[in-house]
Amino acid sequence: MNNHNRGILARAHVATRLPAQDLERARRFYSERLGLEPVDERPGGLLYRCGGVDFVVFKSAGASSGAFTQMAWEVDDIESVVSELKGRGVVFEDVELPGLLGGGRAKDGIVEVEGNYPSKGARGERGAWFRDSEGNMLGIGQPVV
């Protein structure tokens, strides 16, 4: 299929938006816990850039349910990333989901997920999840090749 026949959004960039009821509290979390600083800011939101991709934390009267992963980072060494984030005070979720390898329980905050990235040539993923100060569920993943 050529690009002409694909949907108009196939050529667009994905733009993740995360709600925050308290923008200053969110800024502190992303700075102190994740080591991220905004590359741009306005009264209603903060723009962050990681690996050439942007995401926004915006002021919202509503809140995320936090029941699912809203955004994740793909890393090369999940153990070192999880260890560093724990050292910064990030609390990882005790995940127990059916279909995960090893009985579906996290070991040291990391779970084995079978078959998550077949299109990337991986046979699975190792993952870990945590919530930001606003209740947004965020993940760390490492493809298993």
N, C-alpha and C. Protein backbone atom coordinates (compact mmCIF):
# COMPACT_ATOMS: atom_id res chain seq x y z
N MET A 1 0.85 -1.18 0.00
CA MET A 1 0.00 0.00 0.00
C MET A 1 0.89 1.24 0.00
N ASN A 2 0.65 2.16 -0.89
CA ASN A 2 1.46 3.38 -0.91
C ASN A 2 0.88 4.43 0.04
N ASN A 3 1.64 5.46 0.30
CA ASN A 3 1.20 6.49 1.25
C ASN A 3 -0.07 7.20 0.81
N HIS A 4 -0.31 7.27 -0.50
CA HIS A 4 -1.50 7.95 -1.00
C HIS A 4 -2.78 7.24 -0.55
N ASN A 5 -2.74 5.92 -0.43
CA ASN A 5 -3.93 5.16 -0.05
C ASN A 5 -4.08 5.01 1.46
N ARG A 6 -3.09 5.40 2.21
CA ARG A 6 -3.17 5.28 3.66
C ARG A 6 -3.94 6.47 4.22
N GLY A 7 -4.43 6.31 5.42
CA GLY A 7 -5.16 7.39 6.07
C GLY A 7 -4.30 8.62 6.28
N ILE A 8 -4.94 9.76 6.34
CA ILE A 8 -4.25 11.04 6.49
C ILE A 8 -3.39 11.08 7.76
N LEU A 9 -3.80 10.38 8.82
CA LEU A 9 -3.05 10.40 10.08
C LEU A 9 -1.78 9.56 10.01
N ALA A 10 -1.65 8.69 9.01
CA ALA A 10 -0.44 7.88 8.88
C ALA A 10 0.79 8.75 8.67
N ARG A 11 0.60 9.96 8.18
CA ARG A 11 1.72 10.87 7.95
C ARG A 11 1.91 11.87 9.10
N ALA A 12 1.03 11.82 10.07
CA ALA A 12 1.09 12.76 11.19
C ALA A 12 2.01 12.24 12.29
N HIS A 13 2.42 13.11 13.17
CA HIS A 13 3.21 12.74 14.34
C HIS A 13 2.26 12.52 15.52
N VAL A 14 2.55 11.54 16.35
CA VAL A 14 1.76 11.27 17.54
C VAL A 14 2.14 12.30 18.60
N ALA A 15 1.15 12.83 19.30
CA ALA A 15 1.38 13.85 20.32
C ALA A 15 0.68 13.43 21.61
N THR A 16 1.43 12.91 22.55
CA THR A 16 0.86 12.44 23.82
C THR A 16 0.54 13.63 24.71
N ARG A 17 -0.63 13.58 25.35
CA ARG A 17 -1.08 14.61 26.28
C ARG A 17 -1.46 13.95 27.59
N LEU A 18 -0.90 14.41 28.70
CA LEU A 18 -1.18 13.87 30.02
C LEU A 18 -1.83 14.95 30.89
N PRO A 19 -3.00 14.67 31.48
CA PRO A 19 -3.66 15.67 32.31
C PRO A 19 -3.00 15.83 33.68
N ALA A 20 -3.05 17.05 34.19
CA ALA A 20 -2.54 17.35 35.53
C ALA A 20 -3.50 18.30 36.22
N GLN A 21 -3.97 17.92 37.38
CA GLN A 21 -4.82 18.83 38.14
C GLN A 21 -3.99 19.91 38.79
N ASP A 22 -2.73 19.61 39.11
CA ASP A 22 -1.82 20.58 39.72
C ASP A 22 -0.54 20.61 38.88
N LEU A 23 -0.41 21.59 38.01
CA LEU A 23 0.69 21.66 37.07
C LEU A 23 2.04 21.85 37.76
N GLU A 24 2.10 22.61 38.84
CA GLU A 24 3.37 22.80 39.55
C GLU A 24 3.80 21.51 40.25
N ARG A 25 2.85 20.78 40.82
CA ARG A 25 3.17 19.49 41.44
C ARG A 25 3.70 18.53 40.37
N ALA A 26 3.08 18.53 39.19
CA ALA A 26 3.54 17.68 38.09
C ALA A 26 4.94 18.08 37.64
N ARG A 27 5.19 19.38 37.52
CA ARG A 27 6.53 19.86 37.13
C ARG A 27 7.58 19.34 38.11
N ARG A 28 7.30 19.44 39.40
CA ARG A 28 8.25 18.96 40.41
C ARG A 28 8.49 17.45 40.27
N PHE A 29 7.43 16.68 40.04
CA PHE A 29 7.57 15.24 39.88
C PHE A 29 8.46 14.91 38.68
N TYR A 30 8.16 15.51 37.53
CA TYR A 30 8.92 15.20 36.32
C TYR A 30 10.37 15.66 36.45
N SER A 31 10.61 16.72 37.19
CA SER A 31 11.97 17.21 37.40
C SER A 31 12.71 16.37 38.44
N GLU A 32 12.15 16.26 39.63
CA GLU A 32 12.83 15.60 40.74
C GLU A 32 12.88 14.09 40.60
N ARG A 33 11.80 13.49 40.14
CA ARG A 33 11.73 12.02 40.06
C ARG A 33 12.25 11.47 38.73
N LEU A 34 11.96 12.16 37.62
CA LEU A 34 12.33 11.63 36.30
C LEU A 34 13.52 12.35 35.68
N GLY A 35 13.92 13.49 36.27
CA GLY A 35 15.06 14.23 35.74
C GLY A 35 14.77 14.94 34.43
N LEU A 36 13.50 15.30 34.21
CA LEU A 36 13.10 15.97 32.96
C LEU A 36 12.73 17.42 33.23
N GLU A 37 13.12 18.29 32.31
CA GLU A 37 12.75 19.70 32.39
C GLU A 37 11.99 20.06 31.12
N PRO A 38 10.98 20.93 31.22
CA PRO A 38 10.24 21.33 30.02
C PRO A 38 11.13 22.07 29.03
N VAL A 39 10.88 21.83 27.74
CA VAL A 39 11.58 22.58 26.69
C VAL A 39 10.78 23.81 26.30
N ASP A 40 9.52 23.84 26.71
CA ASP A 40 8.65 25.01 26.49
C ASP A 40 7.55 24.94 27.53
N GLU A 41 7.06 26.09 27.93
CA GLU A 41 5.95 26.11 28.89
C GLU A 41 5.06 27.30 28.65
N ARG A 42 3.81 27.08 28.95
CA ARG A 42 2.78 28.13 28.85
C ARG A 42 1.93 28.01 30.11
N PRO A 43 1.07 28.98 30.39
CA PRO A 43 0.27 28.90 31.61
C PRO A 43 -0.56 27.61 31.73
N GLY A 44 -0.92 27.00 30.62
CA GLY A 44 -1.76 25.80 30.67
C GLY A 44 -1.04 24.49 30.46
N GLY A 45 0.30 24.51 30.30
CA GLY A 45 0.95 23.24 30.05
C GLY A 45 2.46 23.30 29.95
N LEU A 46 3.06 22.13 30.00
CA LEU A 46 4.50 21.96 29.94
C LEU A 46 4.83 21.00 28.80
N LEU A 47 5.77 21.38 27.95
CA LEU A 47 6.19 20.56 26.83
C LEU A 47 7.53 19.91 27.17
N TYR A 48 7.58 18.58 27.07
CA TYR A 48 8.80 17.82 27.32
C TYR A 48 9.25 17.14 26.03
N ARG A 49 10.54 16.88 25.93
CA ARG A 49 11.08 16.19 24.76
C ARG A 49 12.01 15.08 25.25
N CYS A 50 11.75 13.88 24.77
CA CYS A 50 12.57 12.71 25.10
C CYS A 50 12.87 11.97 23.81
N GLY A 51 14.14 11.78 23.49
CA GLY A 51 14.51 11.03 22.31
C GLY A 51 13.94 11.60 21.02
N GLY A 52 13.77 12.91 20.95
CA GLY A 52 13.24 13.54 19.76
C GLY A 52 11.73 13.52 19.64
N VAL A 53 11.04 13.01 20.65
CA VAL A 53 9.58 12.95 20.65
C VAL A 53 9.05 13.83 21.79
N ASP A 54 7.99 14.56 21.51
CA ASP A 54 7.41 15.47 22.50
C ASP A 54 6.21 14.85 23.21
N PHE A 55 6.01 15.28 24.46
CA PHE A 55 4.76 15.02 25.15
C PHE A 55 4.44 16.24 26.00
N VAL A 56 3.17 16.41 26.29
CA VAL A 56 2.69 17.58 27.03
C VAL A 56 1.99 17.13 28.30
N VAL A 57 2.27 17.83 29.38
CA VAL A 57 1.51 17.71 30.62
C VAL A 57 0.70 19.00 30.71
N PHE A 58 -0.64 18.87 30.70
CA PHE A 58 -1.48 20.06 30.64
C PHE A 58 -2.41 20.16 31.84
N LYS A 59 -2.72 21.40 32.22
CA LYS A 59 -3.64 21.65 33.34
C LYS A 59 -5.03 21.22 32.94
N SER A 60 -5.64 20.40 33.80
CA SER A 60 -6.95 19.84 33.51
C SER A 60 -7.78 19.76 34.78
N ALA A 61 -9.05 20.06 34.66
CA ALA A 61 -9.96 19.90 35.80
C ALA A 61 -10.25 18.42 36.03
N GLY A 62 -10.14 17.62 34.97
CA GLY A 62 -10.37 16.18 35.07
C GLY A 62 -9.10 15.45 35.43
N ALA A 63 -9.25 14.18 35.78
CA ALA A 63 -8.10 13.37 36.15
C ALA A 63 -8.14 12.05 35.39
N SER A 64 -6.97 11.50 35.15
CA SER A 64 -6.87 10.19 34.52
C SER A 64 -7.30 9.12 35.50
N SER A 65 -7.88 8.05 34.98
CA SER A 65 -8.23 6.92 35.84
C SER A 65 -6.97 6.17 36.28
N GLY A 66 -5.91 6.26 35.48
CA GLY A 66 -4.67 5.55 35.80
C GLY A 66 -4.82 4.04 35.69
N ALA A 67 -5.87 3.59 35.02
CA ALA A 67 -6.14 2.16 34.92
C ALA A 67 -5.37 1.48 33.78
N PHE A 68 -4.69 2.25 32.97
CA PHE A 68 -3.97 1.69 31.83
C PHE A 68 -2.75 2.55 31.54
N THR A 69 -1.82 2.02 30.76
CA THR A 69 -0.62 2.76 30.41
C THR A 69 -0.98 3.90 29.47
N GLN A 70 -0.66 5.12 29.86
CA GLN A 70 -0.95 6.28 29.03
C GLN A 70 0.24 6.71 28.19
N MET A 71 1.44 6.39 28.66
CA MET A 71 2.66 6.71 27.91
C MET A 71 3.77 5.82 28.46
N ALA A 72 4.73 5.47 27.60
CA ALA A 72 5.85 4.65 28.05
C ALA A 72 7.12 5.06 27.32
N TRP A 73 8.23 4.77 27.96
CA TRP A 73 9.54 4.98 27.37
C TRP A 73 10.13 3.62 27.03
N GLU A 74 10.75 3.49 25.88
CA GLU A 74 11.45 2.27 25.50
C GLU A 74 12.92 2.48 25.78
N VAL A 75 13.52 1.57 26.55
CA VAL A 75 14.91 1.72 26.99
C VAL A 75 15.73 0.49 26.61
N ASP A 76 17.04 0.62 26.69
CA ASP A 76 17.94 -0.48 26.37
C ASP A 76 18.29 -1.34 27.59
N ASP A 77 18.22 -0.76 28.80
CA ASP A 77 18.61 -1.47 30.01
C ASP A 77 17.60 -1.15 31.12
N ILE A 78 16.54 -1.93 31.17
CA ILE A 78 15.44 -1.62 32.09
C ILE A 78 15.87 -1.70 33.55
N GLU A 79 16.78 -2.63 33.89
CA GLU A 79 17.22 -2.74 35.29
C GLU A 79 17.86 -1.46 35.77
N SER A 80 18.75 -0.87 34.96
CA SER A 80 19.42 0.34 35.41
C SER A 80 18.46 1.53 35.47
N VAL A 81 17.52 1.61 34.53
CA VAL A 81 16.55 2.71 34.54
C VAL A 81 15.64 2.59 35.77
N VAL A 82 15.12 1.39 36.02
CA VAL A 82 14.24 1.19 37.19
C VAL A 82 15.01 1.48 38.47
N SER A 83 16.24 1.02 38.55
CA SER A 83 17.06 1.26 39.74
C SER A 83 17.28 2.76 39.97
N GLU A 84 17.64 3.49 38.91
CA GLU A 84 17.86 4.93 39.05
C GLU A 84 16.58 5.64 39.47
N LEU A 85 15.45 5.29 38.84
CA LEU A 85 14.19 5.94 39.18
C LEU A 85 13.76 5.63 40.61
N LYS A 86 13.97 4.39 41.05
CA LYS A 86 13.68 4.05 42.46
C LYS A 86 14.52 4.91 43.39
N GLY A 87 15.79 5.11 43.02
CA GLY A 87 16.68 5.96 43.82
C GLY A 87 16.21 7.40 43.89
N ARG A 88 15.44 7.82 42.89
CA ARG A 88 14.89 9.18 42.86
C ARG A 88 13.52 9.24 43.55
N GLY A 89 13.05 8.11 44.07
CA GLY A 89 11.78 8.09 44.80
C GLY A 89 10.57 7.63 44.00
N VAL A 90 10.77 7.14 42.77
CA VAL A 90 9.64 6.62 41.99
C VAL A 90 9.22 5.28 42.58
N VAL A 91 7.92 5.10 42.77
CA VAL A 91 7.37 3.87 43.31
C VAL A 91 6.74 3.09 42.17
N PHE A 92 7.25 1.89 41.91
CA PHE A 92 6.72 1.06 40.83
C PHE A 92 5.55 0.23 41.31
N GLU A 93 4.61 0.00 40.40
CA GLU A 93 3.40 -0.74 40.70
C GLU A 93 3.72 -2.23 40.86
N ASP A 94 3.01 -2.89 41.78
CA ASP A 94 3.10 -4.34 41.94
C ASP A 94 2.12 -4.94 40.95
N VAL A 95 2.61 -5.20 39.75
CA VAL A 95 1.74 -5.63 38.65
C VAL A 95 1.50 -7.13 38.73
N GLU A 96 0.25 -7.51 38.59
CA GLU A 96 -0.11 -8.92 38.50
C GLU A 96 -1.19 -9.03 37.43
N LEU A 97 -0.77 -9.49 36.25
CA LEU A 97 -1.68 -9.57 35.12
C LEU A 97 -1.64 -10.96 34.52
N PRO A 98 -2.78 -11.51 34.10
CA PRO A 98 -2.75 -12.80 33.43
C PRO A 98 -2.03 -12.68 32.09
N GLY A 99 -1.36 -13.75 31.68
CA GLY A 99 -0.69 -13.75 30.39
C GLY A 99 0.76 -13.29 30.45
N LEU A 100 1.22 -12.87 31.61
CA LEU A 100 2.62 -12.48 31.74
C LEU A 100 3.46 -13.70 32.07
N LEU A 101 4.70 -13.71 31.60
CA LEU A 101 5.60 -14.81 31.91
C LEU A 101 5.94 -14.79 33.40
N GLY A 102 6.38 -15.90 33.92
CA GLY A 102 6.77 -15.97 35.33
C GLY A 102 5.56 -15.87 36.25
N GLY A 103 4.38 -16.30 35.78
CA GLY A 103 3.20 -16.28 36.63
C GLY A 103 2.51 -14.94 36.69
N GLY A 104 2.99 -13.96 35.95
CA GLY A 104 2.32 -12.67 35.89
C GLY A 104 2.63 -11.72 37.01
N ARG A 105 3.68 -12.00 37.79
CA ARG A 105 4.04 -11.11 38.89
C ARG A 105 5.35 -10.40 38.59
N ALA A 106 5.45 -9.19 39.08
CA ALA A 106 6.67 -8.40 38.89
C ALA A 106 7.78 -8.93 39.79
N LYS A 107 9.00 -8.95 39.28
CA LYS A 107 10.18 -9.26 40.09
C LYS A 107 11.02 -8.00 40.12
N ASP A 108 11.20 -7.43 41.30
CA ASP A 108 11.93 -6.17 41.46
C ASP A 108 11.29 -5.06 40.62
N GLY A 109 9.95 -5.11 40.48
CA GLY A 109 9.22 -4.08 39.74
C GLY A 109 9.16 -4.32 38.24
N ILE A 110 9.80 -5.38 37.74
CA ILE A 110 9.86 -5.64 36.29
C ILE A 110 9.12 -6.93 35.96
N VAL A 111 8.30 -6.90 34.92
CA VAL A 111 7.58 -8.09 34.47
C VAL A 111 8.03 -8.47 33.07
N GLU A 112 7.82 -9.72 32.73
CA GLU A 112 8.10 -10.24 31.39
C GLU A 112 6.77 -10.32 30.64
N VAL A 113 6.68 -9.67 29.49
CA VAL A 113 5.46 -9.65 28.69
C VAL A 113 5.76 -10.36 27.38
N GLU A 114 5.05 -11.46 27.13
CA GLU A 114 5.31 -12.25 25.94
C GLU A 114 4.65 -11.64 24.71
N GLY A 115 5.39 -11.56 23.60
CA GLY A 115 4.83 -11.19 22.30
C GLY A 115 4.32 -9.78 22.17
N ASN A 116 4.86 -8.82 22.89
CA ASN A 116 4.32 -7.47 22.85
C ASN A 116 4.71 -6.68 21.61
N TYR A 117 5.86 -6.98 21.00
CA TYR A 117 6.35 -6.19 19.88
C TYR A 117 6.71 -7.05 18.67
N PRO A 118 5.80 -7.83 18.16
CA PRO A 118 6.17 -8.66 17.01
C PRO A 118 6.57 -7.84 15.79
N SER A 119 6.04 -6.66 15.60
CA SER A 119 6.39 -5.84 14.44
C SER A 119 7.78 -5.25 14.54
N LYS A 120 8.39 -5.27 15.72
CA LYS A 120 9.75 -4.75 15.89
C LYS A 120 10.77 -5.88 15.89
N GLY A 121 10.32 -7.09 15.58
CA GLY A 121 11.24 -8.21 15.56
C GLY A 121 11.57 -8.74 16.94
N ALA A 122 10.86 -8.32 17.95
CA ALA A 122 11.10 -8.79 19.31
C ALA A 122 10.14 -9.94 19.62
N ARG A 123 10.53 -10.76 20.60
CA ARG A 123 9.65 -11.86 20.99
C ARG A 123 8.85 -11.52 22.26
N GLY A 124 9.09 -10.35 22.78
CA GLY A 124 8.38 -9.92 23.98
C GLY A 124 8.96 -8.63 24.51
N GLU A 125 8.60 -8.32 25.74
CA GLU A 125 9.07 -7.09 26.35
C GLU A 125 9.21 -7.31 27.85
N ARG A 126 10.13 -6.59 28.45
CA ARG A 126 10.23 -6.50 29.90
C ARG A 126 9.67 -5.13 30.24
N GLY A 127 8.79 -5.04 31.21
CA GLY A 127 8.15 -3.77 31.51
C GLY A 127 8.02 -3.49 32.99
N ALA A 128 7.86 -2.20 33.30
CA ALA A 128 7.64 -1.74 34.67
C ALA A 128 6.74 -0.51 34.59
N TRP A 129 5.85 -0.34 35.56
CA TRP A 129 4.89 0.76 35.54
C TRP A 129 4.90 1.53 36.84
N PHE A 130 4.64 2.83 36.72
CA PHE A 130 4.52 3.71 37.89
C PHE A 130 3.53 4.81 37.56
N ARG A 131 3.09 5.52 38.56
CA ARG A 131 2.17 6.64 38.38
C ARG A 131 2.92 7.95 38.64
N ASP A 132 2.56 8.97 37.87
CA ASP A 132 3.13 10.27 38.15
C ASP A 132 2.33 10.92 39.28
N SER A 133 2.66 12.14 39.63
CA SER A 133 1.99 12.83 40.74
C SER A 133 0.51 13.06 40.48
N GLU A 134 0.08 12.95 39.24
CA GLU A 134 -1.31 13.23 38.87
C GLU A 134 -2.12 11.96 38.63
N GLY A 135 -1.53 10.80 38.90
CA GLY A 135 -2.22 9.53 38.73
C GLY A 135 -2.13 8.92 37.35
N ASN A 136 -1.38 9.55 36.43
CA ASN A 136 -1.20 8.98 35.09
C ASN A 136 -0.30 7.76 35.18
N MET A 137 -0.72 6.65 34.55
CA MET A 137 0.08 5.42 34.54
C MET A 137 1.12 5.50 33.43
N LEU A 138 2.38 5.42 33.82
CA LEU A 138 3.50 5.52 32.88
C LEU A 138 4.30 4.23 32.92
N GLY A 139 4.92 3.89 31.81
CA GLY A 139 5.65 2.63 31.74
C GLY A 139 7.06 2.79 31.23
N ILE A 140 7.86 1.78 31.54
CA ILE A 140 9.21 1.64 31.01
C ILE A 140 9.22 0.27 30.35
N GLY A 141 9.72 0.18 29.12
CA GLY A 141 9.76 -1.09 28.44
C GLY A 141 11.10 -1.35 27.76
N GLN A 142 11.47 -2.62 27.71
CA GLN A 142 12.67 -3.04 26.99
C GLN A 142 12.30 -4.23 26.12
N PRO A 143 12.38 -4.08 24.79
CA PRO A 143 12.07 -5.22 23.90
C PRO A 143 13.03 -6.39 24.17
N VAL A 144 12.48 -7.59 24.13
CA VAL A 144 13.28 -8.80 24.27
C VAL A 144 13.43 -9.38 22.87
N VAL A 145 14.66 -9.42 22.39
CA VAL A 145 14.91 -9.91 21.02
C VAL A 145 15.45 -11.31 21.03
